[in-house]
Protein backbone atom coordinates (compact mmCIF):
# COMPACT_ATOMS: atom_id res chain seq x y z
CA UNK A 1 149.92 187.73 233.39
CA UNK A 2 149.92 184.25 235.00
CA UNK A 3 153.43 182.72 233.61
CA UNK A 4 152.55 179.05 231.95
CA UNK A 5 154.95 177.54 234.83
CA UNK A 6 153.10 178.86 237.80
CA UNK A 7 149.44 178.05 236.27
CA UNK A 8 150.78 174.49 235.56
CA UNK A 9 151.75 173.85 238.74
CA UNK A 10 148.23 176.15 240.49
CA UNK A 11 145.90 173.78 238.11
CA UNK A 12 148.27 170.45 239.56
CA UNK A 13 147.85 171.60 242.89
CA UNK A 14 144.03 171.89 242.85
CA UNK A 15 143.63 168.40 240.71
CA UNK A 16 145.49 166.74 243.29
CA UNK A 17 143.89 167.92 245.71
CA UNK A 18 140.08 167.30 243.88
CA UNK A 19 141.23 163.97 243.40
CA UNK A 20 141.52 163.34 246.83
CA UNK A 21 138.26 164.98 247.88
CA UNK A 22 136.68 162.79 245.68
CA UNK A 23 138.58 159.56 246.58
CA UNK A 24 137.58 160.03 250.32
CA UNK A 25 133.89 160.93 249.08
CA UNK A 26 133.39 157.58 247.05
CA UNK A 27 134.74 155.80 249.88
CA UNK A 28 132.54 157.95 252.43
CA UNK A 29 129.52 156.05 249.43
CA UNK A 30 130.49 153.05 249.93
CA UNK A 31 130.57 153.04 253.44
CA UNK A 32 126.82 153.89 252.96
CA UNK A 33 126.06 151.22 250.04
CA UNK A 34 124.89 148.62 252.35
CA UNK A 35 121.73 148.09 253.20
CA UNK A 36 120.17 148.32 257.12
CA UNK A 37 118.36 145.18 258.31
CA UNK A 38 115.56 145.85 260.85
CA UNK A 39 113.17 144.18 262.32
CA UNK A 40 109.11 144.47 262.07
CA UNK A 41 109.83 147.12 264.80
CA UNK A 42 112.04 149.10 262.85
CA UNK A 43 114.81 148.10 265.34
CA UNK A 44 118.30 147.70 263.57
CA UNK A 45 119.52 144.12 263.98
CA UNK A 46 123.51 144.77 264.31
CA UNK A 47 123.95 148.47 265.94
CA UNK A 48 127.66 148.35 266.12
CA UNK A 49 128.04 147.36 262.36
CA UNK A 50 125.45 149.90 261.50
CA UNK A 51 127.71 152.76 263.55
CA UNK A 52 130.73 151.40 262.58
CA UNK A 53 129.86 152.27 258.45
CA UNK A 54 128.48 155.57 259.71
CA UNK A 55 132.19 156.30 261.31
CA UNK A 56 133.93 155.28 258.52
CA UNK A 57 132.09 157.31 256.34
CA UNK A 58 131.78 160.05 258.60
CA UNK A 59 136.05 159.93 258.89
CA UNK A 60 136.15 160.03 254.87
CA UNK A 61 133.72 162.84 254.79
CA UNK A 62 135.81 164.64 257.13
CA UNK A 63 138.98 164.04 254.89
CA UNK A 64 137.09 165.09 251.59
CA UNK A 65 136.50 168.45 253.35
CA UNK A 66 140.34 168.33 254.64
CA UNK A 67 141.37 167.86 251.04
CA UNK A 68 139.02 171.34 250.15
CA UNK A 69 140.26 173.23 252.90
CA UNK A 70 143.04 175.17 251.36
CA UNK A 71 142.33 174.49 247.80
CA UNK A 72 143.37 177.15 245.54
CA UNK A 73 141.43 177.04 242.29
CA UNK A 74 142.78 178.15 239.34
CA UNK A 75 141.51 181.13 237.30
CA UNK A 76 140.78 181.32 233.49
CA UNK A 77 143.59 183.41 233.36
CA UNK A 78 145.51 180.43 234.55
CA UNK A 79 144.06 178.48 232.01
CA UNK A 80 144.30 180.77 229.58
CA UNK A 81 148.14 181.02 229.95
CA UNK A 82 148.96 177.81 229.08
């Protein structure tokens, strides 16, 4: 059986990792929130700004994935031991 102290540590670590992943996911969403202006032919007006927003979103998503990469999710037993 999992000890309450071990379970608390495991749950706290998972909480921190999930919080980091969600924070970075929100940053990605915020980077893509802006409208993209195009001309009558569908050509993007400001390609450098568009690329910058895409790069910001991708970097944030990469950080979000990294936060989840080694996460050890608590088991039902961990929750039950508290």
